[in-house]
Amino acid sequence: MACQTQGIQQLLVAEKRAAEKVAEARKRKAKRIKQAREEAAADIELYRKERDRQFKEYEAKYMGSREDVAAKIDRDTEVIMKEMDLNVQKNKDPLIMDLIDLVIDIEPKVHRNYFIMRSYNKI
């Protein structure tokens, strides 16, 4: 009987060691996963910075900097505004004269529907 309880004790001790080893293995696994995630995040950040740098180089090479684009838009707008001002100055006097002529030269006419309406009213 003593042999039997001793065997049970050995099994319990072995089961406890196995459980400790499994727990330790799980801790190591969790630690490795955490470390792998941190390394992956660092790699992703490096890749993102590299791609961002490449994009900025491409943008500067083919499109110019944002300040250059804004300056070009401002220059183009200024040119268009000057053209519009010149057109206004050039066409202002003739337009005013045309408007005055239209207002002054009134030719009174009877509306074309006046005679039609008179004929209906007589009936």
PDB file of N, CA and C in Angstrom:
ATOM      1  N   MET A   1       0.806  -1.168   0.000  1.00  0.00           N
ATOM      2  CA  MET A   1       0.000   0.000   0.000  1.00  0.00           C
ATOM      3  C   MET A   1       0.859   1.245   0.000  1.00  0.00           C
ATOM      4  N   ALA A   2       1.956   1.207   0.734  1.00  0.00           N
ATOM      5  CA  ALA A   2       2.878   2.338   0.776  1.00  0.00           C
ATOM      6  C   ALA A   2       3.448   2.580  -0.599  1.00  0.00           C
ATOM      7  N   CYS A   3       3.646   1.521  -1.325  1.00  0.00           N
ATOM      8  CA  CYS A   3       4.188   1.618  -2.676  1.00  0.00           C
ATOM      9  C   CYS A   3       3.188   2.309  -3.588  1.00  0.00           C
ATOM     10  N   GLN A   4       1.930   2.022  -3.355  1.00  0.00           N
ATOM     11  CA  GLN A   4       0.874   2.598  -4.174  1.00  0.00           C
ATOM     12  C   GLN A   4       0.753   4.104  -3.908  1.00  0.00           C
ATOM     13  N   THR A   5       0.783   4.556  -2.654  1.00  0.00           N
ATOM     14  CA  THR A   5       0.704   5.977  -2.345  1.00  0.00           C
ATOM     15  C   THR A   5       1.951   6.706  -2.812  1.00  0.00           C
ATOM     16  N   GLN A   6       3.089   5.982  -2.749  1.00  0.00           N
ATOM     17  CA  GLN A   6       4.324   6.597  -3.232  1.00  0.00           C
ATOM     18  C   GLN A   6       4.239   6.811  -4.748  1.00  0.00           C
ATOM     19  N   GLY A   7       3.650   5.868  -5.452  1.00  0.00           N
ATOM     20  CA  GLY A   7       3.465   5.989  -6.893  1.00  0.00           C
ATOM     21  C   GLY A   7       2.530   7.148  -7.234  1.00  0.00           C
ATOM     22  N   ILE A   8       1.466   7.286  -6.421  1.00  0.00           N
ATOM     23  CA  ILE A   8       0.518   8.376  -6.643  1.00  0.00           C
ATOM     24  C   ILE A   8       1.205   9.715  -6.391  1.00  0.00           C
ATOM     25  N   GLN A   9       2.026   9.759  -5.348  1.00  0.00           N
ATOM     26  CA  GLN A   9       2.763  10.988  -5.035  1.00  0.00           C
ATOM     27  C   GLN A   9       3.705  11.350  -6.182  1.00  0.00           C
ATOM     28  N   GLN A  10       4.359  10.341  -6.738  1.00  0.00           N
ATOM     29  CA  GLN A  10       5.267  10.599  -7.865  1.00  0.00           C
ATOM     30  C   GLN A  10       4.488  11.114  -9.081  1.00  0.00           C
ATOM     31  N   LEU A  11       3.326  10.538  -9.320  1.00  0.00           N
ATOM     32  CA  LEU A  11       2.496  11.001 -10.435  1.00  0.00           C
ATOM     33  C   LEU A  11       2.042  12.448 -10.221  1.00  0.00           C
ATOM     34  N   LEU A  12       1.630  12.789  -8.993  1.00  0.00           N
ATOM     35  CA  LEU A  12       1.211  14.152  -8.701  1.00  0.00           C
ATOM     36  C   LEU A  12       2.362  15.140  -8.878  1.00  0.00           C
ATOM     37  N   VAL A  13       3.550  14.731  -8.408  1.00  0.00           N
ATOM     38  CA  VAL A  13       4.731  15.598  -8.565  1.00  0.00           C
ATOM     39  C   VAL A  13       5.057  15.763 -10.049  1.00  0.00           C
ATOM     40  N   ALA A  14       4.993  14.686 -10.808  1.00  0.00           N
ATOM     41  CA  ALA A  14       5.274  14.740 -12.242  1.00  0.00           C
ATOM     42  C   ALA A  14       4.238  15.615 -12.950  1.00  0.00           C
ATOM     43  N   GLU A  15       2.953  15.495 -12.553  1.00  0.00           N
ATOM     44  CA  GLU A  15       1.906  16.314 -13.157  1.00  0.00           C
ATOM     45  C   GLU A  15       2.133  17.792 -12.840  1.00  0.00           C
ATOM     46  N   LYS A  16       2.555  18.080 -11.618  1.00  0.00           N
ATOM     47  CA  LYS A  16       2.821  19.469 -11.222  1.00  0.00           C
ATOM     48  C   LYS A  16       3.987  20.034 -12.030  1.00  0.00           C
ATOM     49  N   ARG A  17       5.049  19.253 -12.211  1.00  0.00           N
ATOM     50  CA  ARG A  17       6.206  19.711 -13.019  1.00  0.00           C
ATOM     51  C   ARG A  17       5.790  19.945 -14.470  1.00  0.00           C
ATOM     52  N   ALA A  18       4.958  19.055 -14.978  1.00  0.00           N
ATOM     53  CA  ALA A  18       4.491  19.194 -16.359  1.00  0.00           C
ATOM     54  C   ALA A  18       3.669  20.468 -16.504  1.00  0.00           C
ATOM     55  N   ALA A  19       2.795  20.731 -15.538  1.00  0.00           N
ATOM     56  CA  ALA A  19       1.980  21.941 -15.576  1.00  0.00           C
ATOM     57  C   ALA A  19       2.869  23.180 -15.506  1.00  0.00           C
ATOM     58  N   GLU A  20       3.914  23.150 -14.681  1.00  0.00           N
ATOM     59  CA  GLU A  20       4.851  24.270 -14.578  1.00  0.00           C
ATOM     60  C   GLU A  20       5.593  24.475 -15.899  1.00  0.00           C
ATOM     61  N   LYS A  21       6.008  23.355 -16.525  1.00  0.00           N
ATOM     62  CA  LYS A  21       6.707  23.468 -17.807  1.00  0.00           C
ATOM     63  C   LYS A  21       5.789  24.039 -18.893  1.00  0.00           C
ATOM     64  N   VAL A  22       4.516  23.592 -18.890  1.00  0.00           N
ATOM     65  CA  VAL A  22       3.558  24.122 -19.875  1.00  0.00           C
ATOM     66  C   VAL A  22       3.341  25.612 -19.636  1.00  0.00           C
ATOM     67  N   ALA A  23       3.194  26.000 -18.373  1.00  0.00           N
ATOM     68  CA  ALA A  23       2.993  27.419 -18.050  1.00  0.00           C
ATOM     69  C   ALA A  23       4.212  28.237 -18.470  1.00  0.00           C
ATOM     70  N   GLU A  24       5.403  27.704 -18.205  1.00  0.00           N
ATOM     71  CA  GLU A  24       6.638  28.398 -18.604  1.00  0.00           C
ATOM     72  C   GLU A  24       6.729  28.508 -20.126  1.00  0.00           C
ATOM     73  N   ALA A  25       6.354  27.448 -20.819  1.00  0.00           N
ATOM     74  CA  ALA A  25       6.379  27.465 -22.281  1.00  0.00           C
ATOM     75  C   ALA A  25       5.384  28.506 -22.816  1.00  0.00           C
ATOM     76  N   ARG A  26       4.212  28.607 -22.195  1.00  0.00           N
ATOM     77  CA  ARG A  26       3.232  29.612 -22.620  1.00  0.00           C
ATOM     78  C   ARG A  26       3.759  31.032 -22.395  1.00  0.00           C
ATOM     79  N   LYS A  27       4.447  31.242 -21.281  1.00  0.00           N
ATOM     80  CA  LYS A  27       5.029  32.553 -21.009  1.00  0.00           C
ATOM     81  C   LYS A  27       6.079  32.907 -22.057  1.00  0.00           C
ATOM     82  N   ARG A  28       6.950  31.927 -22.381  1.00  0.00           N
ATOM     83  CA  ARG A  28       7.979  32.169 -23.406  1.00  0.00           C
ATOM     84  C   ARG A  28       7.344  32.471 -24.760  1.00  0.00           C
ATOM     85  N   LYS A  29       6.265  31.723 -25.062  1.00  0.00           N
ATOM     86  CA  LYS A  29       5.574  31.933 -26.335  1.00  0.00           C
ATOM     87  C   LYS A  29       4.965  33.338 -26.378  1.00  0.00           C
ATOM     88  N   ALA A  30       4.306  33.751 -25.303  1.00  0.00           N
ATOM     89  CA  ALA A  30       3.709  35.085 -25.247  1.00  0.00           C
ATOM     90  C   ALA A  30       4.784  36.159 -25.364  1.00  0.00           C
ATOM     91  N   LYS A  31       5.930  35.911 -24.722  1.00  0.00           N
ATOM     92  CA  LYS A  31       7.033  36.862 -24.793  1.00  0.00           C
ATOM     93  C   LYS A  31       7.572  36.956 -26.223  1.00  0.00           C
ATOM     94  N   ARG A  32       7.715  35.805 -26.900  1.00  0.00           N
ATOM     95  CA  ARG A  32       8.201  35.808 -28.288  1.00  0.00           C
ATOM     96  C   ARG A  32       7.207  36.504 -29.214  1.00  0.00           C
ATOM     97  N   ILE A  33       5.914  36.277 -28.986  1.00  0.00           N
ATOM     98  CA  ILE A  33       4.893  36.927 -29.822  1.00  0.00           C
ATOM     99  C   ILE A  33       4.944  38.440 -29.626  1.00  0.00           C
ATOM    100  N   LYS A  34       5.070  38.879 -28.378  1.00  0.00           N
ATOM    101  CA  LYS A  34       5.152  40.302 -28.093  1.00  0.00           C
ATOM    102  C   LYS A  34       6.383  40.918 -28.753  1.00  0.00           C
ATOM    103  N   GLN A  35       7.500  40.226 -28.650  1.00  0.00           N
ATOM    104  CA  GLN A  35       8.738  40.711 -29.262  1.00  0.00           C
ATOM    105  C   GLN A  35       8.599  40.764 -30.788  1.00  0.00           C
ATOM    106  N   ALA A  36       7.962  39.745 -31.372  1.00  0.00           N
ATOM    107  CA  ALA A  36       7.768  39.721 -32.825  1.00  0.00           C
ATOM    108  C   ALA A  36       6.867  40.885 -33.263  1.00  0.00           C
ATOM    109  N   ARG A  37       5.833  41.166 -32.485  1.00  0.00           N
ATOM    110  CA  ARG A  37       4.950  42.289 -32.813  1.00  0.00           C
ATOM    111  C   ARG A  37       5.701  43.618 -32.759  1.00  0.00           C
ATOM    112  N   GLU A  38       6.539  43.783 -31.735  1.00  0.00           N
ATOM    113  CA  GLU A  38       7.313  45.013 -31.618  1.00  0.00           C
ATOM    114  C   GLU A  38       8.281  45.161 -32.792  1.00  0.00           C
ATOM    115  N   GLU A  39       8.934  44.060 -33.169  1.00  0.00           N
ATOM    116  CA  GLU A  39       9.845  44.108 -34.314  1.00  0.00           C
ATOM    117  C   GLU A  39       9.088  44.416 -35.603  1.00  0.00           C
ATOM    118  N   ALA A  40       7.900  43.804 -35.762  1.00  0.00           N
ATOM    119  CA  ALA A  40       7.093  44.059 -36.959  1.00  0.00           C
ATOM    120  C   ALA A  40       6.647  45.522 -36.997  1.00  0.00           C
ATOM    121  N   ALA A  41       6.253  46.067 -35.848  1.00  0.00           N
ATOM    122  CA  ALA A  41       5.842  47.472 -35.800  1.00  0.00           C
ATOM    123  C   ALA A  41       7.009  48.385 -36.171  1.00  0.00           C
ATOM    124  N   ALA A  42       8.202  48.045 -35.680  1.00  0.00           N
ATOM    125  CA  ALA A  42       9.385  48.845 -36.019  1.00  0.00           C
ATOM    126  C   ALA A  42       9.677  48.748 -37.514  1.00  0.00           C
ATOM    127  N   ASP A  43       9.575  47.544 -38.080  1.00  0.00           N
ATOM    128  CA  ASP A  43       9.804  47.367 -39.522  1.00  0.00           C
ATOM    129  C   ASP A  43       8.769  48.135 -40.338  1.00  0.00           C
ATOM    130  N   ILE A  44       7.526  48.093 -39.897  1.00  0.00           N
ATOM    131  CA  ILE A  44       6.458  48.821 -40.603  1.00  0.00           C
ATOM    132  C   ILE A  44       6.739  50.320 -40.565  1.00  0.00           C
ATOM    133  N   GLU A  45       7.160  50.815 -39.432  1.00  0.00           N
ATOM    134  CA  GLU A  45       7.460  52.243 -39.302  1.00  0.00           C
ATOM    135  C   GLU A  45       8.625  52.645 -40.205  1.00  0.00           C
ATOM    136  N   LEU A  46       9.661  51.812 -40.260  1.00  0.00           N
ATOM    137  CA  LEU A  46      10.785  52.089 -41.160  1.00  0.00           C
ATOM    138  C   LEU A  46      10.327  52.091 -42.620  1.00  0.00           C
ATOM    139  N   TYR A  47       9.510  51.114 -42.982  1.00  0.00           N
ATOM    140  CA  TYR A  47       9.009  51.026 -44.357  1.00  0.00           C
ATOM    141  C   TYR A  47       8.151  52.248 -44.684  1.00  0.00           C
ATOM    142  N   ARG A  48       7.293  52.650 -43.754  1.00  0.00           N
ATOM    143  CA  ARG A  48       6.430  53.815 -43.978  1.00  0.00           C
ATOM    144  C   ARG A  48       7.263  55.078 -44.172  1.00  0.00           C
ATOM    145  N   LYS A  49       8.288  55.250 -43.336  1.00  0.00           N
ATOM    146  CA  LYS A  49       9.151  56.426 -43.469  1.00  0.00           C
ATOM    147  C   LYS A  49       9.888  56.424 -44.803  1.00  0.00           C
ATOM    148  N   GLU A  50      10.352  55.263 -45.234  1.00  0.00           N
ATOM    149  CA  GLU A  50      11.051  55.156 -46.515  1.00  0.00           C
ATOM    150  C   GLU A  50      10.120  55.486 -47.678  1.00  0.00           C
ATOM    151  N   ARG A  51       8.908  54.945 -47.655  1.00  0.00           N
ATOM    152  CA  ARG A  51       7.957  55.230 -48.727  1.00  0.00           C
ATOM    153  C   ARG A  51       7.547  56.702 -48.726  1.00  0.00           C
ATOM    154  N   ASP A  52       7.410  57.281 -47.548  1.00  0.00           N
ATOM    155  CA  ASP A  52       7.075  58.697 -47.451  1.00  0.00           C
ATOM    156  C   ASP A  52       8.201  59.545 -48.033  1.00  0.00           C
ATOM    157  N   ARG A  53       9.432  59.179 -47.739  1.00  0.00           N
ATOM    158  CA  ARG A  53      10.583  59.894 -48.290  1.00  0.00           C
ATOM    159  C   ARG A  53      10.600  59.773 -49.815  1.00  0.00           C
ATOM    160  N   GLN A  54      10.342  58.569 -50.339  1.00  0.00           N
ATOM    161  CA  GLN A  54      10.316  58.372 -51.787  1.00  0.00           C
ATOM    162  C   GLN A  54       9.209  59.191 -52.435  1.00  0.00           C
ATOM    163  N   PHE A  55       8.056  59.240 -51.792  1.00  0.00           N
ATOM    164  CA  PHE A  55       6.948  60.027 -52.335  1.00  0.00           C
ATOM    165  C   PHE A  55       7.307  61.504 -52.381  1.00  0.00           C
ATOM    166  N   LYS A  56       7.918  62.007 -51.326  1.00  0.00           N
ATOM    167  CA  LYS A  56       8.295  63.416 -51.296  1.00  0.00           C
ATOM    168  C   LYS A  56       9.326  63.734 -52.377  1.00  0.00           C
ATOM    169  N   GLU A  57      10.260  62.809 -52.605  1.00  0.00           N
ATOM    170  CA  GLU A  57      11.226  63.001 -53.687  1.00  0.00           C
ATOM    171  C   GLU A  57      10.510  63.040 -55.035  1.00  0.00           C
ATOM    172  N   TYR A  58       9.592  62.108 -55.246  1.00  0.00           N
ATOM    173  CA  TYR A  58       8.839  62.057 -56.506  1.00  0.00           C
ATOM    174  C   TYR A  58       8.032  63.341 -56.690  1.00  0.00           C
ATOM    175  N   GLU A  59       7.377  63.755 -55.617  1.00  0.00           N
ATOM    176  CA  GLU A  59       6.556  64.960 -55.677  1.00  0.00           C
ATOM    177  C   GLU A  59       7.416  66.173 -56.010  1.00  0.00           C
ATOM    178  N   ALA A  60       8.569  66.282 -55.365  1.00  0.00           N
ATOM    179  CA  ALA A  60       9.444  67.424 -55.623  1.00  0.00           C
ATOM    180  C   ALA A  60       9.983  67.384 -57.052  1.00  0.00           C
ATOM    181  N   LYS A  61      10.272  66.184 -57.547  1.00  0.00           N
ATOM    182  CA  LYS A  61      10.849  66.054 -58.885  1.00  0.00           C
ATOM    183  C   LYS A  61       9.830  66.365 -59.975  1.00  0.00           C
ATOM    184  N   TYR A  62       8.616  65.843 -59.855  1.00  0.00           N
ATOM    185  CA  TYR A  62       7.646  65.955 -60.935  1.00  0.00           C
ATOM    186  C   TYR A  62       6.607  67.053 -60.724  1.00  0.00           C
ATOM    187  N   MET A  63       6.290  67.385 -59.509  1.00  0.00           N
ATOM    188  CA  MET A  63       5.233  68.366 -59.272  1.00  0.00           C
ATOM    189  C   MET A  63       5.771  69.641 -58.653  1.00  0.00           C
ATOM    190  N   GLY A  64       6.949  69.618 -58.124  1.00  0.00           N
ATOM    191  CA  GLY A  64       7.454  70.772 -57.403  1.00  0.00           C
ATOM    192  C   GLY A  64       6.933  70.743 -55.984  1.00  0.00           C
ATOM    193  N   SER A  65       7.445  71.633 -55.206  1.00  0.00           N
ATOM    194  CA  SER A  65       6.985  71.657 -53.817  1.00  0.00           C
ATOM    195  C   SER A  65       5.606  72.299 -53.750  1.00  0.00           C
ATOM    196  N   ARG A  66       4.949  72.146 -52.645  1.00  0.00           N
ATOM    197  CA  ARG A  66       3.610  72.718 -52.487  1.00  0.00           C
ATOM    198  C   ARG A  66       3.659  74.241 -52.583  1.00  0.00           C
ATOM    199  N   GLU A  67       4.729  74.826 -52.070  1.00  0.00           N
ATOM    200  CA  GLU A  67       4.866  76.273 -52.149  1.00  0.00           C
ATOM    201  C   GLU A  67       4.999  76.715 -53.604  1.00  0.00           C
ATOM    202  N   ASP A  68       5.736  75.924 -54.403  1.00  0.00           N
ATOM    203  CA  ASP A  68       5.879  76.246 -55.826  1.00  0.00           C
ATOM    204  C   ASP A  68       4.542  76.181 -56.543  1.00  0.00           C
ATOM    205  N   VAL A  69       3.767  75.152 -56.236  1.00  0.00           N
ATOM    206  CA  VAL A  69       2.451  75.003 -56.867  1.00  0.00           C
ATOM    207  C   VAL A  69       1.540  76.164 -56.462  1.00  0.00           C
ATOM    208  N   ALA A  70       1.559  76.509 -55.199  1.00  0.00           N
ATOM    209  CA  ALA A  70       0.729  77.624 -54.720  1.00  0.00           C
ATOM    210  C   ALA A  70       1.174  78.930 -55.378  1.00  0.00           C
ATOM    211  N   ALA A  71       2.477  79.135 -55.512  1.00  0.00           N
ATOM    212  CA  ALA A  71       2.982  80.354 -56.149  1.00  0.00           C
ATOM    213  C   ALA A  71       2.574  80.396 -57.615  1.00  0.00           C
ATOM    214  N   LYS A  72       2.625  79.258 -58.301  1.00  0.00           N
ATOM    215  CA  LYS A  72       2.218  79.208 -59.710  1.00  0.00           C
ATOM    216  C   LYS A  72       0.735  79.535 -59.850  1.00  0.00           C
ATOM    217  N   ILE A  73      -0.080  78.997 -58.979  1.00  0.00           N
ATOM    218  CA  ILE A  73      -1.519  79.283 -59.016  1.00  0.00           C
ATOM    219  C   ILE A  73      -1.752  80.774 -58.786  1.00  0.00           C
ATOM    220  N   ASP A  74      -1.027  81.359 -57.828  1.00  0.00           N
ATOM    221  CA  ASP A  74      -1.175  82.790 -57.567  1.00  0.00           C
ATOM    222  C   ASP A  74      -0.768  83.619 -58.781  1.00  0.00           C
ATOM    223  N   ARG A  75       0.338  83.242 -59.431  1.00  0.00           N
ATOM    224  CA  ARG A  75       0.780  83.967 -60.631  1.00  0.00           C
ATOM    225  C   ARG A  75      -0.252  83.856 -61.747  1.00  0.00           C
ATOM    226  N   ASP A  76      -0.756  82.636 -61.968  1.00  0.00           N
ATOM    227  CA  ASP A  76      -1.760  82.443 -63.023  1.00  0.00           C
ATOM    228  C   ASP A  76      -3.025  83.252 -62.733  1.00  0.00           C
ATOM    229  N   THR A  77      -3.438  83.255 -61.484  1.00  0.00           N
ATOM    230  CA  THR A  77      -4.630  84.007 -61.100  1.00  0.00           C
ATOM    231  C   THR A  77      -4.410  85.503 -61.324  1.00  0.00           C
ATOM    232  N   GLU A  78      -3.240  85.980 -60.977  1.00  0.00           N
ATOM    233  CA  GLU A  78      -2.929  87.397 -61.168  1.00  0.00           C
ATOM    234  C   GLU A  78      -2.980  87.765 -62.651  1.00  0.00           C
ATOM    235  N   VAL A  79      -2.437  86.896 -63.515  1.00  0.00           N
ATOM    236  CA  VAL A  79      -2.459  87.150 -64.958  1.00  0.00           C
ATOM    237  C   VAL A  79      -3.903  87.199 -65.463  1.00  0.00           C
ATOM    238  N   ILE A  80      -4.712  86.264 -65.046  1.00  0.00           N
ATOM    239  CA  ILE A  80      -6.113  86.225 -65.478  1.00  0.00           C
ATOM    240  C   ILE A  80      -6.855  87.468 -64.999  1.00  0.00           C
ATOM    241  N   MET A  81      -6.614  87.873 -63.760  1.00  0.00           N
ATOM    242  CA  MET A  81      -7.277  89.065 -63.230  1.00  0.00           C
ATOM    243  C   MET A  81      -6.872  90.312 -64.016  1.00  0.00           C
ATOM    244  N   LYS A  82      -5.594  90.420 -64.380  1.00  0.00           N
ATOM    245  CA  LYS A  82      -5.141  91.573 -65.162  1.00  0.00           C
ATOM    246  C   LYS A  82      -5.803  91.575 -66.537  1.00  0.00           C
ATOM    247  N   GLU A  83      -5.913  90.412 -67.158  1.00  0.00           N
ATOM    248  CA  GLU A  83      -6.585  90.317 -68.455  1.00  0.00           C
ATOM    249  C   GLU A  83      -8.042  90.755 -68.344  1.00  0.00           C
ATOM    250  N   MET A  84      -8.704  90.323 -67.286  1.00  0.00           N
ATOM    251  CA  MET A  84     -10.099  90.701 -67.088  1.00  0.00           C
ATOM    252  C   MET A  84     -10.225  92.209 -66.874  1.00  0.00           C
ATOM    253  N   ASP A  85      -9.304  92.791 -66.098  1.00  0.00           N
ATOM    254  CA  ASP A  85      -9.334  94.239 -65.879  1.00  0.00           C
ATOM    255  C   ASP A  85      -9.137  94.993 -67.188  1.00  0.00           C
ATOM    256  N   LEU A  86      -8.208  94.510 -68.014  1.00  0.00           N
ATOM    257  CA  LEU A  86      -7.978  95.148 -69.311  1.00  0.00           C
ATOM    258  C   LEU A  86      -9.225  95.054 -70.188  1.00  0.00           C
ATOM    259  N   ASN A  87      -9.872  93.892 -70.204  1.00  0.00           N
ATOM    260  CA  ASN A  87     -11.099  93.735 -70.998  1.00  0.00           C
ATOM    261  C   ASN A  87     -12.208  94.657 -70.499  1.00  0.00           C
ATOM    262  N   VAL A  88     -12.317  94.802 -69.197  1.00  0.00           N
ATOM    263  CA  VAL A  88     -13.331  95.695 -68.638  1.00  0.00           C
ATOM    264  C   VAL A  88     -13.035  97.127 -69.062  1.00  0.00           C
ATOM    265  N   GLN A  89     -11.792  97.551 -68.916  1.00  0.00           N
ATOM    266  CA  GLN A  89     -11.427  98.922 -69.297  1.00  0.00           C
ATOM    267  C   GLN A  89     -11.653  99.159 -70.789  1.00  0.00           C
ATOM    268  N   LYS A  90     -11.335  98.161 -71.598  1.00  0.00           N
ATOM    269  CA  LYS A  90     -11.477  98.307 -73.044  1.00  0.00           C
ATOM    270  C   LYS A  90     -12.947  98.356 -73.470  1.00  0.00           C
ATOM    271  N   ASN A  91     -13.793  97.577 -72.830  1.00  0.00           N
ATOM    272  CA  ASN A  91     -15.188  97.444 -73.270  1.00  0.00           C
ATOM    273  C   ASN A  91     -16.178  98.261 -72.442  1.00  0.00           C
ATOM    274  N   LYS A  92     -15.705  98.948 -71.436  1.00  0.00           N
ATOM    275  CA  LYS A  92     -16.607  99.662 -70.539  1.00  0.00           C
ATOM    276  C   LYS A  92     -17.334 100.807 -71.256  1.00  0.00           C
ATOM    277  N   ASP A  93     -16.596 101.672 -71.916  1.00  0.00           N
ATOM    278  CA  ASP A  93     -17.224 102.833 -72.572  1.00  0.00           C
ATOM    279  C   ASP A  93     -18.196 102.428 -73.675  1.00  0.00           C
ATOM    280  N   PRO A  94     -17.798 101.501 -74.580  1.00  0.00           N
ATOM    281  CA  PRO A  94     -18.784 101.107 -75.604  1.00  0.00           C
ATOM    282  C   PRO A  94     -20.040 100.465 -75.010  1.00  0.00           C
ATOM    283  N   LEU A  95     -19.893  99.700 -73.967  1.00  0.00           N
ATOM    284  CA  LEU A  95     -21.044  99.064 -73.343  1.00  0.00           C
ATOM    285  C   LEU A  95     -21.968 100.108 -72.711  1.00  0.00           C
ATOM    286  N   ILE A  96     -21.388 101.077 -72.033  1.00  0.00           N
ATOM    287  CA  ILE A  96     -22.201 102.137 -71.422  1.00  0.00           C
ATOM    288  C   ILE A  96     -22.958 102.902 -72.507  1.00  0.00           C
ATOM    289  N   MET A  97     -22.283 103.194 -73.598  1.00  0.00           N
ATOM    290  CA  MET A  97     -22.940 103.915 -74.703  1.00  0.00           C
ATOM    291  C   MET A  97     -24.081 103.072 -75.289  1.00  0.00           C
ATOM    292  N   ASP A  98     -23.847 101.778 -75.462  1.00  0.00           N
ATOM    293  CA  ASP A  98     -24.911 100.900 -75.971  1.00  0.00           C
ATOM    294  C   ASP A  98     -26.113 100.883 -75.028  1.00  0.00           C
ATOM    295  N   LEU A  99     -25.855 100.822 -73.742  1.00  0.00           N
ATOM    296  CA  LEU A  99     -26.944 100.824 -72.767  1.00  0.00           C
ATOM    297  C   LEU A  99     -27.715 102.150 -72.799  1.00  0.00           C
ATOM    298  N   ILE A 100     -26.987 103.241 -72.870  1.00  0.00           N
ATOM    299  CA  ILE A 100     -27.647 104.550 -72.935  1.00  0.00           C
ATOM    300  C   ILE A 100     -28.496 104.650 -74.198  1.00  0.00           C
ATOM    301  N   ASP A 101     -27.946 104.192 -75.328  1.00  0.00           N
ATOM    302  CA  ASP A 101     -28.709 104.221 -76.574  1.00  0.00           C
ATOM    303  C   ASP A 101     -29.993 103.396 -76.457  1.00  0.00           C
ATOM    304  N   LEU A 102     -29.908 102.251 -75.837  1.00  0.00           N
ATOM    305  CA  LEU A 102     -31.098 101.415 -75.675  1.00  0.00           C
ATOM    306  C   LEU A 102     -32.146 102.092 -74.796  1.00  0.00           C
ATOM    307  N   VAL A 103     -31.699 102.795 -73.787  1.00  0.00           N
ATOM    308  CA  VAL A 103     -32.633 103.457 -72.877  1.00  0.00           C
ATOM    309  C   VAL A 103     -33.243 104.699 -73.537  1.00  0.00           C
ATOM    310  N   ILE A 104     -32.450 105.423 -74.262  1.00  0.00           N
ATOM    311  CA  ILE A 104     -32.931 106.670 -74.870  1.00  0.00           C
ATOM    312  C   ILE A 104     -33.773 106.423 -76.113  1.00  0.00           C
ATOM    313  N   ASP A 105     -33.357 105.531 -76.961  1.00  0.00           N
ATOM    314  CA  ASP A 105     -34.064 105.288 -78.229  1.00  0.00           C
ATOM    315  C   ASP A 105     -35.227 104.321 -78.019  1.00  0.00           C
ATOM    316  N   ILE A 106     -36.328 104.872 -77.561  1.00  0.00           N
ATOM    317  CA  ILE A 106     -37.509 104.050 -77.322  1.00  0.00           C
ATOM    318  C   ILE A 106     -38.444 104.219 -78.511  1.00  0.00           C
ATOM    319  N   GLU A 107     -38.877 103.152 -79.083  1.00  0.00           N
ATOM    320  CA  GLU A 107     -39.848 103.171 -80.174  1.00  0.00           C
ATOM    321  C   GLU A 107     -41.142 102.579 -79.639  1.00  0.00           C
ATOM    322  N   PRO A 108     -42.093 103.418 -79.329  1.00  0.00           N
ATOM    323  CA  PRO A 108     -43.339 102.881 -78.780  1.00  0.00           C
ATOM    324  C   PRO A 108     -44.085 102.089 -79.845  1.00  0.00           C
ATOM    325  N   LYS A 109     -44.513 100.911 -79.464  1.00  0.00           N
ATOM    326  CA  LYS A 109     -45.267 100.045 -80.371  1.00  0.00           C
ATOM    327  C   LYS A 109     -46.407  99.429 -79.574  1.00  0.00           C
ATOM    328  N   VAL A 110     -47.449  99.151 -80.263  1.00  0.00           N
ATOM    329  CA  VAL A 110     -48.558  98.448 -79.645  1.00  0.00           C
ATOM    330  C   VAL A 110     -48.170  96.975 -79.623  1.00  0.00           C
ATOM    331  N   HIS A 111     -48.454  96.352 -78.496  1.00  0.00           N
ATOM    332  CA  HIS A 111     -48.101  94.940 -78.376  1.00  0.00           C
ATOM    333  C   HIS A 111     -48.883  94.130 -79.399  1.00  0.00           C
ATOM    334  N   ARG A 112     -48.315  93.106 -79.920  1.00  0.00           N
ATOM    335  CA  ARG A 112     -48.942  92.332 -80.982  1.00  0.00           C
ATOM    336  C   ARG A 112     -50.233  91.652 -80.527  1.00  0.00           C
ATOM    337  N   ASN A 113     -50.354  91.389 -79.246  1.00  0.00           N
ATOM    338  CA  ASN A 113     -51.568  90.756 -78.736  1.00  0.00           C
ATOM    339  C   ASN A 113     -52.699  91.754 -78.479  1.00  0.00           C
ATOM    340  N   TYR A 114     -52.412  93.052 -78.583  1.00  0.00           N
ATOM    341  CA  TYR A 114     -53.416  94.066 -78.291  1.00  0.00           C
ATOM    342  C   TYR A 114     -54.610  93.942 -79.234  1.00  0.00           C
ATOM    343  N   PHE A 115     -54.369  93.792 -80.519  1.00  0.00           N
ATOM    344  CA  PHE A 115     -55.457  93.724 -81.487  1.00  0.00           C
ATOM    345  C   PHE A 115     -56.250  92.435 -81.342  1.00  0.00           C
ATOM    346  N   ILE A 116     -55.575  91.377 -81.002  1.00  0.00           N
ATOM    347  CA  ILE A 116     -56.270  90.107 -80.809  1.00  0.00           C
ATOM    348  C   ILE A 116     -57.205  90.212 -79.606  1.00  0.00           C
ATOM    349  N   MET A 117     -56.743  90.809 -78.539  1.00  0.00           N
ATOM    350  CA  MET A 117     -57.550  90.942 -77.336  1.00  0.00           C
ATOM    351  C   MET A 117     -58.738  91.889 -77.580  1.00  0.00           C
ATOM    352  N   ARG A 118     -58.541  92.937 -78.377  1.00  0.00           N
ATOM    353  CA  ARG A 118     -59.649  93.874 -78.692  1.00  0.00           C
ATOM    354  C   ARG A 118     -60.733  93.172 -79.463  1.00  0.00           C
ATOM    355  N   SER A 119     -60.316  92.322 -80.393  1.00  0.00           N
ATOM    356  CA  SER A 119     -61.325  91.627 -81.194  1.00  0.00           C
ATOM    357  C   SER A 119     -62.120  90.641 -80.319  1.00  0.00           C
ATOM    358  N   TYR A 120     -61.537  90.038 -79.343  1.00  0.00           N
ATOM    359  CA  TYR A 120     -62.257  89.146 -78.441  1.00  0.00           C
ATOM    360  C   TYR A 120     -63.202  89.908 -77.526  1.00  0.00           C
ATOM    361  N   ASN A 121     -62.779  91.101 -77.135  1.00  0.00           N
ATOM    362  CA  ASN A 121     -63.620  91.900 -76.246  1.00  0.00           C
ATOM    363  C   ASN A 121     -64.876  92.425 -76.956  1.00  0.00           C
ATOM    364  N   LYS A 122     -64.829  92.624 -78.251  1.00  0.00           N
ATOM    365  CA  LYS A 122     -65.981  93.122 -79.006  1.00  0.00           C
ATOM    366  C   LYS A 122     -67.033  92.043 -79.173  1.00  0.00           C
ATOM    367  N   ILE A 123     -66.647  90.846 -79.143  1.00  0.00           N
ATOM    368  CA  ILE A 123     -67.587  89.758 -79.387  1.00  0.00           C
ATOM    369  C   ILE A 123     -68.512  89.567 -78.261  1.00  0.00           C
TER     370      ILE A 123
END
